[in-house]
Amino acid sequence: MLKDLWDFLRERKKFWLLPIILAMLLLGGLLAFTKGSVLAPLLYPLF
């Protein structure tokens, strides 16, 4: 899947999408890992 995404970005010259995709992955991972932790009440006001 990552190879297909990279091929799409490279072929269509859409490298500006890369930071958006990375930010979405980081925020999603942050929310998933902190869902049941002590940090959850501190992160929910951000969203």
PDB file of N, CA and C in Angstrom:
ATOM      1  N   MET A   1       0.820  -1.189   0.000  1.00  0.00           N
ATOM      2  CA  MET A   1       0.000   0.000   0.000  1.00  0.00           C
ATOM      3  C   MET A   1       0.867   1.257   0.000  1.00  0.00           C
ATOM      4  N   LEU A   2       1.923   1.248   0.797  1.00  0.00           N
ATOM      5  CA  LEU A   2       2.812   2.416   0.826  1.00  0.00           C
ATOM      6  C   LEU A   2       3.517   2.612  -0.514  1.00  0.00           C
ATOM      7  N   LYS A   3       3.877   1.496  -1.154  1.00  0.00           N
ATOM      8  CA  LYS A   3       4.527   1.598  -2.456  1.00  0.00           C
ATOM      9  C   LYS A   3       3.571   2.191  -3.481  1.00  0.00           C
ATOM     10  N   ASP A   4       2.306   1.763  -3.444  1.00  0.00           N
ATOM     11  CA  ASP A   4       1.312   2.323  -4.369  1.00  0.00           C
ATOM     12  C   ASP A   4       1.116   3.812  -4.119  1.00  0.00           C
ATOM     13  N   LEU A   5       1.068   4.201  -2.867  1.00  0.00           N
ATOM     14  CA  LEU A   5       0.917   5.614  -2.532  1.00  0.00           C
ATOM     15  C   LEU A   5       2.115   6.417  -3.030  1.00  0.00           C
ATOM     16  N   TRP A   6       3.311   5.895  -2.809  1.00  0.00           N
ATOM     17  CA  TRP A   6       4.519   6.585  -3.261  1.00  0.00           C
ATOM     18  C   TRP A   6       4.547   6.684  -4.783  1.00  0.00           C
ATOM     19  N   ASP A   7       4.164   5.607  -5.478  1.00  0.00           N
ATOM     20  CA  ASP A   7       4.125   5.639  -6.945  1.00  0.00           C
ATOM     21  C   ASP A   7       3.118   6.673  -7.438  1.00  0.00           C
ATOM     22  N   PHE A   8       1.973   6.756  -6.784  1.00  0.00           N
ATOM     23  CA  PHE A   8       0.970   7.763  -7.163  1.00  0.00           C
ATOM     24  C   PHE A   8       1.520   9.173  -6.979  1.00  0.00           C
ATOM     25  N   LEU A   9       2.128   9.428  -5.821  1.00  0.00           N
ATOM     26  CA  LEU A   9       2.662  10.764  -5.552  1.00  0.00           C
ATOM     27  C   LEU A   9       3.763  11.134  -6.539  1.00  0.00           C
ATOM     28  N   ARG A  10       4.613  10.175  -6.851  1.00  0.00           N
ATOM     29  CA  ARG A  10       5.731  10.444  -7.756  1.00  0.00           C
ATOM     30  C   ARG A  10       5.250  10.622  -9.195  1.00  0.00           C
ATOM     31  N   GLU A  11       4.327   9.783  -9.634  1.00  0.00           N
ATOM     32  CA  GLU A  11       3.859   9.844 -11.018  1.00  0.00           C
ATOM     33  C   GLU A  11       3.052  11.101 -11.302  1.00  0.00           C
ATOM     34  N   ARG A  12       2.208  11.494 -10.367  1.00  0.00           N
ATOM     35  CA  ARG A  12       1.332  12.642 -10.583  1.00  0.00           C
ATOM     36  C   ARG A  12       1.929  13.950 -10.055  1.00  0.00           C
ATOM     37  N   LYS A  13       3.156  13.891  -9.527  1.00  0.00           N
ATOM     38  CA  LYS A  13       3.846  15.084  -8.990  1.00  0.00           C
ATOM     39  C   LYS A  13       3.017  15.755  -7.900  1.00  0.00           C
ATOM     40  N   LYS A  14       2.496  14.951  -6.985  1.00  0.00           N
ATOM     41  CA  LYS A  14       1.661  15.460  -5.889  1.00  0.00           C
ATOM     42  C   LYS A  14       2.421  15.365  -4.556  1.00  0.00           C
ATOM     43  N   PHE A  15       3.655  15.800  -4.554  1.00  0.00           N
ATOM     44  CA  PHE A  15       4.460  15.698  -3.344  1.00  0.00           C
ATOM     45  C   PHE A  15       3.946  16.590  -2.222  1.00  0.00           C
ATOM     46  N   TRP A  16       3.112  17.584  -2.557  1.00  0.00           N
ATOM     47  CA  TRP A  16       2.554  18.452  -1.528  1.00  0.00           C
ATOM     48  C   TRP A  16       1.576  17.695  -0.642  1.00  0.00           C
ATOM     49  N   LEU A  17       1.107  16.523  -1.076  1.00  0.00           N
ATOM     50  CA  LEU A  17       0.201  15.725  -0.256  1.00  0.00           C
ATOM     51  C   LEU A  17       0.934  14.984   0.868  1.00  0.00           C
ATOM     52  N   LEU A  18       2.227  14.791   0.710  1.00  0.00           N
ATOM     53  CA  LEU A  18       2.993  14.007   1.679  1.00  0.00           C
ATOM     54  C   LEU A  18       2.939  14.579   3.099  1.00  0.00           C
ATOM     55  N   PRO A  19       3.150  15.875   3.326  1.00  0.00           N
ATOM     56  CA  PRO A  19       3.044  16.400   4.699  1.00  0.00           C
ATOM     57  C   PRO A  19       1.645  16.246   5.292  1.00  0.00           C
ATOM     58  N   ILE A  20       0.616  16.361   4.462  1.00  0.00           N
ATOM     59  CA  ILE A  20      -0.752  16.212   4.946  1.00  0.00           C
ATOM     60  C   ILE A  20      -0.995  14.779   5.396  1.00  0.00           C
ATOM     61  N   ILE A  21      -0.541  13.824   4.592  1.00  0.00           N
ATOM     62  CA  ILE A  21      -0.710  12.411   4.930  1.00  0.00           C
ATOM     63  C   ILE A  21       0.056  12.070   6.205  1.00  0.00           C
ATOM     64  N   LEU A  22       1.278  12.560   6.316  1.00  0.00           N
ATOM     65  CA  LEU A  22       2.076  12.286   7.518  1.00  0.00           C
ATOM     66  C   LEU A  22       1.440  12.901   8.763  1.00  0.00           C
ATOM     67  N   ALA A  23       0.921  14.110   8.652  1.00  0.00           N
ATOM     68  CA  ALA A  23       0.277  14.750   9.801  1.00  0.00           C
ATOM     69  C   ALA A  23      -0.966  13.970  10.226  1.00  0.00           C
ATOM     70  N   MET A  24      -1.740  13.497   9.258  1.00  0.00           N
ATOM     71  CA  MET A  24      -2.932  12.716   9.584  1.00  0.00           C
ATOM     72  C   MET A  24      -2.551  11.405  10.269  1.00  0.00           C
ATOM     73  N   LEU A  25      -1.496  10.758   9.791  1.00  0.00           N
ATOM     74  CA  LEU A  25      -1.044   9.511  10.415  1.00  0.00           C
ATOM     75  C   LEU A  25      -0.538   9.748  11.839  1.00  0.00           C
ATOM     76  N   LEU A  26       0.209  10.829  12.039  1.00  0.00           N
ATOM     77  CA  LEU A  26       0.722  11.130  13.377  1.00  0.00           C
ATOM     78  C   LEU A  26      -0.404  11.449  14.358  1.00  0.00           C
ATOM     79  N   LEU A  27      -1.358  12.250  13.931  1.00  0.00           N
ATOM     80  CA  LEU A  27      -2.477  12.582  14.816  1.00  0.00           C
ATOM     81  C   LEU A  27      -3.336  11.358  15.106  1.00  0.00           C
ATOM     82  N   GLY A  28      -3.561  10.534  14.099  1.00  0.00           N
ATOM     83  CA  GLY A  28      -4.326   9.303  14.309  1.00  0.00           C
ATOM     84  C   GLY A  28      -3.622   8.359  15.259  1.00  0.00           C
ATOM     85  N   GLY A  29      -2.318   8.222  15.090  1.00  0.00           N
ATOM     86  CA  GLY A  29      -1.548   7.370  16.002  1.00  0.00           C
ATOM     87  C   GLY A  29      -1.533   7.919  17.411  1.00  0.00           C
ATOM     88  N   LEU A  30      -1.418   9.234  17.534  1.00  0.00           N
ATOM     89  CA  LEU A  30      -1.427   9.863  18.851  1.00  0.00           C
ATOM     90  C   LEU A  30      -2.751   9.617  19.562  1.00  0.00           C
ATOM     91  N   LEU A  31      -3.849   9.765  18.844  1.00  0.00           N
ATOM     92  CA  LEU A  31      -5.160   9.524  19.456  1.00  0.00           C
ATOM     93  C   LEU A  31      -5.359   8.049  19.797  1.00  0.00           C
ATOM     94  N   ALA A  32      -4.878   7.165  18.950  1.00  0.00           N
ATOM     95  CA  ALA A  32      -5.053   5.733  19.201  1.00  0.00           C
ATOM     96  C   ALA A  32      -4.236   5.276  20.411  1.00  0.00           C
ATOM     97  N   PHE A  33      -3.022   5.787  20.538  1.00  0.00           N
ATOM     98  CA  PHE A  33      -2.159   5.342  21.635  1.00  0.00           C
ATOM     99  C   PHE A  33      -2.507   5.971  22.970  1.00  0.00           C
ATOM    100  N   THR A  34      -3.165   7.110  22.959  1.00  0.00           N
ATOM    101  CA  THR A  34      -3.485   7.785  24.221  1.00  0.00           C
ATOM    102  C   THR A  34      -4.942   7.630  24.620  1.00  0.00           C
ATOM    103  N   LYS A  35      -5.684   6.818  23.910  1.00  0.00           N
ATOM    104  CA  LYS A  35      -7.116   6.684  24.193  1.00  0.00           C
ATOM    105  C   LYS A  35      -7.372   6.238  25.630  1.00  0.00           C
ATOM    106  N   GLY A  36      -6.637   5.295  26.124  1.00  0.00           N
ATOM    107  CA  GLY A  36      -6.870   4.808  27.471  1.00  0.00           C
ATOM    108  C   GLY A  36      -5.808   5.241  28.465  1.00  0.00           C
ATOM    109  N   SER A  37      -5.036   6.235  28.113  1.00  0.00           N
ATOM    110  CA  SER A  37      -3.953   6.623  29.007  1.00  0.00           C
ATOM    111  C   SER A  37      -4.312   7.856  29.826  1.00  0.00           C
ATOM    112  N   VAL A  38      -3.371   8.267  30.641  1.00  0.00           N
ATOM    113  CA  VAL A  38      -3.541   9.437  31.498  1.00  0.00           C
ATOM    114  C   VAL A  38      -3.516  10.722  30.668  1.00  0.00           C
ATOM    115  N   LEU A  39      -2.899  10.681  29.501  1.00  0.00           N
ATOM    116  CA  LEU A  39      -2.785  11.873  28.662  1.00  0.00           C
ATOM    117  C   LEU A  39      -4.070  12.219  27.915  1.00  0.00           C
ATOM    118  N   ALA A  40      -5.021  11.328  27.868  1.00  0.00           N
ATOM    119  CA  ALA A  40      -6.239  11.546  27.089  1.00  0.00           C
ATOM    120  C   ALA A  40      -6.972  12.839  27.469  1.00  0.00           C
ATOM    121  N   PRO A  41      -7.183  13.138  28.751  1.00  0.00           N
ATOM    122  CA  PRO A  41      -7.899  14.395  29.079  1.00  0.00           C
ATOM    123  C   PRO A  41      -7.130  15.647  28.644  1.00  0.00           C
ATOM    124  N   LEU A  42      -5.830  15.539  28.483  1.00  0.00           N
ATOM    125  CA  LEU A  42      -5.056  16.693  28.047  1.00  0.00           C
ATOM    126  C   LEU A  42      -5.126  16.889  26.541  1.00  0.00           C
ATOM    127  N   LEU A  43      -5.358  15.825  25.785  1.00  0.00           N
ATOM    128  CA  LEU A  43      -5.377  15.925  24.335  1.00  0.00           C
ATOM    129  C   LEU A  43      -6.749  16.253  23.766  1.00  0.00           C
ATOM    130  N   TYR A  44      -7.819  15.843  24.410  1.00  0.00           N
ATOM    131  CA  TYR A  44      -9.152  16.034  23.855  1.00  0.00           C
ATOM    132  C   TYR A  44      -9.528  17.506  23.664  1.00  0.00           C
ATOM    133  N   PRO A  45      -9.099  18.425  24.521  1.00  0.00           N
ATOM    134  CA  PRO A  45      -9.425  19.839  24.245  1.00  0.00           C
ATOM    135  C   PRO A  45      -8.782  20.382  22.972  1.00  0.00           C
ATOM    136  N   LEU A  46      -7.727  19.735  22.497  1.00  0.00           N
ATOM    137  CA  LEU A  46      -7.085  20.192  21.263  1.00  0.00           C
ATOM    138  C   LEU A  46      -7.949  19.930  20.040  1.00  0.00           C
ATOM    139  N   PHE A  47      -8.829  18.950  20.139  1.00  0.00           N
ATOM    140  CA  PHE A  47      -9.650  18.590  18.992  1.00  0.00           C
ATOM    141  C   PHE A  47     -11.065  18.953  19.271  1.00  0.00           C
TER     142      PHE A  47
END
